[in-house]
Amino acid sequence: MCMACEEAELYYRWQLLELIARGEMPAGMTEDDLRAMELPVPGEVELIEKPDGSLVIRKVEAKEAAPAPAGGSTGTKAKAAARAKAKKAAAAKGGKAKADAFVCDSPEDV
C-alpha cells in the first residue's frame, strides 16, 4: 500500500472514531460494519476535554461486566473479519467503491 493510501485510510478511521466518540453512528454504517473494522460502537468510547483544552478519546468503563454469549465472542469476531475481508476482496476485483473513497492511481510497489 502506498503512503498516500495508508494515510487516507488512517484519516478515514480517525474521522469514524471521532463521530463514534461523540455518540453518533456514522452514516451508512451498522454495528457489524464497525466491529468488522475493529472499531467501537457509540457508547463504548467518549470524547473528553482536558483542562488544557486538548481533546482525548477514552474507553468508557462498563458499570457491570456483561456475561459472555454462549458461543463466545471469538466466533463472532472471526465471522466479522471474514466478511470484511470478503468485502475488500470484492472491491479489489472491480466491486463498487464509495463515492467519496480515495482511489490510488499509483502503480503497485514491487
N, C-alpha and C. Protein backbone atom coordinates (compact mmCIF):
# COMPACT_ATOMS: atom_id res chain seq x y z
N MET A 1 0.86 -1.17 0.00
CA MET A 1 0.00 0.00 0.00
C MET A 1 0.90 1.23 0.00
N CYS A 2 0.57 2.18 -0.87
CA CYS A 2 1.40 3.38 -0.95
C CYS A 2 1.13 4.26 0.28
N MET A 3 2.02 5.19 0.52
CA MET A 3 1.92 6.06 1.70
C MET A 3 0.64 6.90 1.67
N ALA A 4 0.25 7.40 0.49
CA ALA A 4 -0.96 8.21 0.39
C ALA A 4 -2.19 7.38 0.72
N CYS A 5 -2.23 6.14 0.24
CA CYS A 5 -3.38 5.27 0.53
C CYS A 5 -3.45 4.95 2.02
N GLU A 6 -2.30 4.67 2.61
CA GLU A 6 -2.25 4.35 4.04
C GLU A 6 -2.70 5.55 4.87
N GLU A 7 -2.24 6.73 4.50
CA GLU A 7 -2.61 7.94 5.23
C GLU A 7 -4.11 8.21 5.08
N ALA A 8 -4.65 8.02 3.88
CA ALA A 8 -6.08 8.24 3.66
C ALA A 8 -6.91 7.26 4.49
N GLU A 9 -6.48 6.01 4.57
CA GLU A 9 -7.20 5.01 5.35
C GLU A 9 -7.18 5.36 6.84
N LEU A 10 -6.03 5.77 7.35
CA LEU A 10 -5.92 6.14 8.76
C LEU A 10 -6.76 7.38 9.07
N TYR A 11 -6.78 8.34 8.16
CA TYR A 11 -7.57 9.55 8.37
C TYR A 11 -9.06 9.21 8.39
N TYR A 12 -9.50 8.33 7.51
CA TYR A 12 -10.90 7.90 7.47
C TYR A 12 -11.28 7.22 8.78
N ARG A 13 -10.42 6.33 9.28
CA ARG A 13 -10.68 5.64 10.54
C ARG A 13 -10.75 6.65 11.70
N TRP A 14 -9.88 7.66 11.68
CA TRP A 14 -9.89 8.68 12.73
C TRP A 14 -11.19 9.46 12.70
N GLN A 15 -11.67 9.82 11.50
CA GLN A 15 -12.94 10.53 11.39
C GLN A 15 -14.08 9.68 11.95
N LEU A 16 -14.10 8.40 11.63
CA LEU A 16 -15.12 7.50 12.17
C LEU A 16 -15.05 7.45 13.68
N LEU A 17 -13.83 7.34 14.23
CA LEU A 17 -13.66 7.26 15.67
C LEU A 17 -14.15 8.53 16.37
N GLU A 18 -13.89 9.69 15.77
CA GLU A 18 -14.38 10.94 16.35
C GLU A 18 -15.91 10.98 16.39
N LEU A 19 -16.56 10.56 15.30
CA LEU A 19 -18.03 10.51 15.28
C LEU A 19 -18.56 9.58 16.35
N ILE A 20 -17.96 8.42 16.47
CA ILE A 20 -18.39 7.43 17.45
C ILE A 20 -18.21 7.96 18.86
N ALA A 21 -17.08 8.64 19.12
CA ALA A 21 -16.82 9.18 20.45
C ALA A 21 -17.82 10.27 20.83
N ARG A 22 -18.38 10.95 19.83
CA ARG A 22 -19.40 11.97 20.10
C ARG A 22 -20.78 11.34 20.29
N GLY A 23 -20.86 10.01 20.15
CA GLY A 23 -22.11 9.31 20.35
C GLY A 23 -22.94 9.16 19.10
N GLU A 24 -22.37 9.45 17.92
CA GLU A 24 -23.10 9.36 16.66
C GLU A 24 -22.70 8.08 15.92
N MET A 25 -23.67 7.48 15.24
CA MET A 25 -23.38 6.34 14.38
C MET A 25 -23.03 6.89 13.00
N PRO A 26 -21.87 6.53 12.43
CA PRO A 26 -21.51 7.02 11.11
C PRO A 26 -22.57 6.65 10.07
N ALA A 27 -22.86 7.57 9.17
CA ALA A 27 -23.88 7.35 8.15
C ALA A 27 -23.52 6.16 7.27
N GLY A 28 -24.50 5.31 7.03
CA GLY A 28 -24.31 4.16 6.17
C GLY A 28 -23.60 2.99 6.84
N MET A 29 -23.33 3.08 8.12
CA MET A 29 -22.63 2.02 8.84
C MET A 29 -23.58 1.33 9.81
N THR A 30 -23.30 0.07 10.06
CA THR A 30 -24.03 -0.68 11.08
C THR A 30 -23.05 -1.09 12.16
N GLU A 31 -23.57 -1.62 13.25
CA GLU A 31 -22.71 -2.09 14.33
C GLU A 31 -21.78 -3.18 13.82
N ASP A 32 -22.30 -4.06 12.96
CA ASP A 32 -21.47 -5.13 12.40
C ASP A 32 -20.33 -4.57 11.56
N ASP A 33 -20.60 -3.50 10.80
CA ASP A 33 -19.55 -2.87 10.00
C ASP A 33 -18.43 -2.34 10.89
N LEU A 34 -18.82 -1.67 11.97
CA LEU A 34 -17.82 -1.12 12.89
C LEU A 34 -17.01 -2.23 13.56
N ARG A 35 -17.69 -3.28 13.97
CA ARG A 35 -16.99 -4.42 14.59
C ARG A 35 -16.02 -5.06 13.61
N ALA A 36 -16.43 -5.18 12.34
CA ALA A 36 -15.56 -5.77 11.32
C ALA A 36 -14.30 -4.93 11.11
N MET A 37 -14.43 -3.61 11.31
CA MET A 37 -13.29 -2.71 11.18
C MET A 37 -12.51 -2.60 12.50
N GLU A 38 -12.94 -3.36 13.50
CA GLU A 38 -12.34 -3.35 14.83
C GLU A 38 -12.41 -1.97 15.48
N LEU A 39 -13.56 -1.29 15.26
CA LEU A 39 -13.84 -0.01 15.89
C LEU A 39 -14.92 -0.19 16.94
N PRO A 40 -14.96 0.67 17.95
CA PRO A 40 -16.02 0.58 18.95
C PRO A 40 -17.33 1.11 18.38
N VAL A 41 -18.41 0.84 19.08
CA VAL A 41 -19.71 1.40 18.70
C VAL A 41 -19.99 2.58 19.63
N PRO A 42 -20.92 3.47 19.24
CA PRO A 42 -21.24 4.61 20.12
C PRO A 42 -21.62 4.13 21.52
N GLY A 43 -21.06 4.81 22.50
CA GLY A 43 -21.32 4.45 23.89
C GLY A 43 -20.15 3.69 24.52
N GLU A 44 -19.26 3.14 23.71
CA GLU A 44 -18.10 2.42 24.24
C GLU A 44 -16.89 3.33 24.44
N VAL A 45 -16.87 4.46 23.74
CA VAL A 45 -15.81 5.45 23.91
C VAL A 45 -16.46 6.83 24.04
N GLU A 46 -15.72 7.76 24.61
CA GLU A 46 -16.24 9.12 24.76
C GLU A 46 -15.14 10.13 24.49
N LEU A 47 -15.55 11.33 24.12
CA LEU A 47 -14.65 12.43 23.85
C LEU A 47 -14.60 13.32 25.09
N ILE A 48 -13.42 13.48 25.67
CA ILE A 48 -13.23 14.24 26.90
C ILE A 48 -12.34 15.45 26.60
N GLU A 49 -12.72 16.60 27.14
CA GLU A 49 -11.88 17.78 27.00
C GLU A 49 -11.08 17.96 28.30
N LYS A 50 -9.77 17.99 28.16
CA LYS A 50 -8.90 18.18 29.32
C LYS A 50 -8.89 19.66 29.71
N PRO A 51 -8.43 19.97 30.93
CA PRO A 51 -8.38 21.37 31.38
C PRO A 51 -7.52 22.27 30.47
N ASP A 52 -6.54 21.69 29.79
CA ASP A 52 -5.70 22.49 28.91
C ASP A 52 -6.33 22.71 27.53
N GLY A 53 -7.53 22.16 27.32
CA GLY A 53 -8.25 22.37 26.06
C GLY A 53 -8.07 21.26 25.04
N SER A 54 -7.17 20.33 25.31
CA SER A 54 -6.98 19.23 24.36
C SER A 54 -8.11 18.20 24.49
N LEU A 55 -8.38 17.52 23.39
CA LEU A 55 -9.44 16.52 23.37
C LEU A 55 -8.83 15.13 23.42
N VAL A 56 -9.46 14.25 24.19
CA VAL A 56 -8.98 12.88 24.34
C VAL A 56 -10.15 11.93 24.14
N ILE A 57 -9.93 10.88 23.39
CA ILE A 57 -10.93 9.84 23.24
C ILE A 57 -10.53 8.72 24.19
N ARG A 58 -11.45 8.33 25.07
CA ARG A 58 -11.12 7.26 26.01
C ARG A 58 -12.24 6.24 26.06
N LYS A 59 -11.87 5.03 26.45
CA LYS A 59 -12.83 3.94 26.55
C LYS A 59 -13.71 4.16 27.77
N VAL A 60 -15.00 3.90 27.62
CA VAL A 60 -15.94 4.01 28.73
C VAL A 60 -15.91 2.71 29.50
N GLU A 61 -15.71 2.82 30.80
CA GLU A 61 -15.69 1.63 31.64
C GLU A 61 -17.10 1.14 31.86
N ALA A 62 -17.32 -0.15 31.68
CA ALA A 62 -18.64 -0.74 31.89
C ALA A 62 -18.94 -0.78 33.38
N LYS A 63 -20.15 -0.43 33.75
CA LYS A 63 -20.52 -0.45 35.16
C LYS A 63 -20.63 -1.88 35.67
N GLU A 64 -21.16 -2.74 34.84
CA GLU A 64 -21.25 -4.16 35.19
C GLU A 64 -20.74 -4.96 34.01
N ALA A 65 -19.96 -5.96 34.28
CA ALA A 65 -19.47 -6.81 33.20
C ALA A 65 -20.61 -7.69 32.71
N ALA A 66 -20.87 -7.62 31.43
CA ALA A 66 -21.94 -8.45 30.85
C ALA A 66 -21.42 -9.86 30.66
N PRO A 67 -22.25 -10.87 30.92
CA PRO A 67 -21.80 -12.24 30.71
C PRO A 67 -21.53 -12.52 29.23
N ALA A 68 -20.54 -13.35 28.96
CA ALA A 68 -20.18 -13.68 27.59
C ALA A 68 -21.28 -14.50 26.95
N PRO A 69 -21.54 -14.30 25.65
CA PRO A 69 -22.54 -15.11 24.99
C PRO A 69 -22.12 -16.57 24.95
N ALA A 70 -23.10 -17.46 24.79
CA ALA A 70 -22.85 -18.90 24.84
C ALA A 70 -21.80 -19.34 23.84
N GLY A 71 -21.82 -18.78 22.64
CA GLY A 71 -20.87 -19.19 21.61
C GLY A 71 -19.50 -18.57 21.77
N GLY A 72 -19.34 -17.63 22.65
CA GLY A 72 -18.07 -16.92 22.80
C GLY A 72 -17.97 -15.83 21.76
N SER A 73 -17.15 -14.84 22.00
CA SER A 73 -17.05 -13.71 21.08
C SER A 73 -16.05 -13.97 19.97
N THR A 74 -15.20 -14.96 20.10
CA THR A 74 -14.19 -15.18 19.07
C THR A 74 -14.82 -15.62 17.76
N GLY A 75 -15.89 -16.40 17.81
CA GLY A 75 -16.56 -16.82 16.58
C GLY A 75 -17.18 -15.63 15.87
N THR A 76 -17.78 -14.72 16.62
CA THR A 76 -18.40 -13.54 16.03
C THR A 76 -17.34 -12.65 15.41
N LYS A 77 -16.23 -12.45 16.11
CA LYS A 77 -15.15 -11.63 15.57
C LYS A 77 -14.57 -12.26 14.31
N ALA A 78 -14.42 -13.57 14.30
CA ALA A 78 -13.87 -14.25 13.14
C ALA A 78 -14.80 -14.10 11.94
N LYS A 79 -16.11 -14.22 12.18
CA LYS A 79 -17.08 -14.06 11.09
C LYS A 79 -17.05 -12.63 10.55
N ALA A 80 -16.99 -11.66 11.46
CA ALA A 80 -16.96 -10.26 11.05
C ALA A 80 -15.70 -9.96 10.25
N ALA A 81 -14.57 -10.50 10.70
CA ALA A 81 -13.32 -10.29 9.99
C ALA A 81 -13.37 -10.95 8.61
N ALA A 82 -13.99 -12.11 8.52
CA ALA A 82 -14.11 -12.80 7.23
C ALA A 82 -14.99 -12.00 6.28
N ARG A 83 -16.09 -11.41 6.81
CA ARG A 83 -16.96 -10.58 5.97
C ARG A 83 -16.22 -9.36 5.46
N ALA A 84 -15.44 -8.72 6.33
CA ALA A 84 -14.68 -7.54 5.94
C ALA A 84 -13.65 -7.89 4.88
N LYS A 85 -13.00 -9.03 5.05
CA LYS A 85 -12.00 -9.47 4.08
C LYS A 85 -12.66 -9.77 2.74
N ALA A 86 -13.84 -10.38 2.76
CA ALA A 86 -14.55 -10.70 1.53
C ALA A 86 -14.99 -9.42 0.81
N LYS A 87 -15.44 -8.41 1.60
CA LYS A 87 -15.83 -7.13 1.02
C LYS A 87 -14.65 -6.45 0.34
N LYS A 88 -13.51 -6.50 1.01
CA LYS A 88 -12.30 -5.87 0.49
C LYS A 88 -11.85 -6.57 -0.79
N ALA A 89 -11.93 -7.90 -0.81
CA ALA A 89 -11.54 -8.67 -1.99
C ALA A 89 -12.49 -8.38 -3.15
N ALA A 90 -13.79 -8.26 -2.87
CA ALA A 90 -14.75 -7.95 -3.92
C ALA A 90 -14.49 -6.57 -4.50
N ALA A 91 -14.15 -5.63 -3.63
CA ALA A 91 -13.85 -4.27 -4.10
C ALA A 91 -12.60 -4.26 -4.96
N ALA A 92 -11.61 -5.08 -4.61
CA ALA A 92 -10.37 -5.14 -5.37
C ALA A 92 -10.59 -5.77 -6.74
N LYS A 93 -11.61 -6.62 -6.86
CA LYS A 93 -11.89 -7.30 -8.13
C LYS A 93 -12.83 -6.49 -9.01
N GLY A 94 -13.10 -5.27 -8.66
CA GLY A 94 -13.94 -4.44 -9.52
C GLY A 94 -15.28 -4.12 -8.90
N GLY A 95 -15.44 -4.36 -7.62
CA GLY A 95 -16.69 -4.00 -6.94
C GLY A 95 -16.83 -2.50 -6.88
N LYS A 96 -17.99 -2.03 -6.55
CA LYS A 96 -18.24 -0.59 -6.49
C LYS A 96 -17.62 0.00 -5.24
N ALA A 97 -16.93 1.12 -5.40
CA ALA A 97 -16.35 1.83 -4.27
C ALA A 97 -17.30 2.95 -3.86
N LYS A 98 -17.18 3.41 -2.64
CA LYS A 98 -17.99 4.53 -2.19
C LYS A 98 -17.61 5.76 -3.01
N ALA A 99 -18.55 6.66 -3.17
CA ALA A 99 -18.33 7.85 -3.99
C ALA A 99 -17.20 8.72 -3.45
N ASP A 100 -17.06 8.80 -2.13
CA ASP A 100 -16.04 9.66 -1.55
C ASP A 100 -14.77 8.91 -1.17
N ALA A 101 -14.65 7.65 -1.59
CA ALA A 101 -13.49 6.84 -1.23
C ALA A 101 -12.26 7.30 -2.01
N PHE A 102 -11.12 7.29 -1.38
CA PHE A 102 -9.87 7.63 -2.01
C PHE A 102 -9.42 6.47 -2.88
N VAL A 103 -9.07 6.75 -4.12
CA VAL A 103 -8.62 5.70 -5.02
C VAL A 103 -7.20 6.04 -5.46
N CYS A 104 -6.30 5.12 -5.20
CA CYS A 104 -4.89 5.32 -5.55
C CYS A 104 -4.68 4.95 -7.02
N ASP A 105 -4.05 5.85 -7.76
CA ASP A 105 -3.77 5.54 -9.16
C ASP A 105 -2.28 5.28 -9.40
N SER A 106 -1.53 5.13 -8.32
CA SER A 106 -0.10 4.83 -8.47
C SER A 106 0.09 3.35 -8.70
N PRO A 107 1.15 2.97 -9.42
CA PRO A 107 1.40 1.53 -9.65
C PRO A 107 1.80 0.85 -8.34
N GLU A 108 1.56 -0.44 -8.28
CA GLU A 108 1.91 -1.22 -7.09
C GLU A 108 3.42 -1.20 -6.88
N ASP A 109 3.84 -1.13 -5.65
CA ASP A 109 5.26 -1.21 -5.31
C ASP A 109 5.71 -2.66 -5.45
N VAL A 110 6.79 -2.87 -6.10
CA VAL A 110 7.30 -4.24 -6.28
C VAL A 110 8.63 -4.42 -5.66
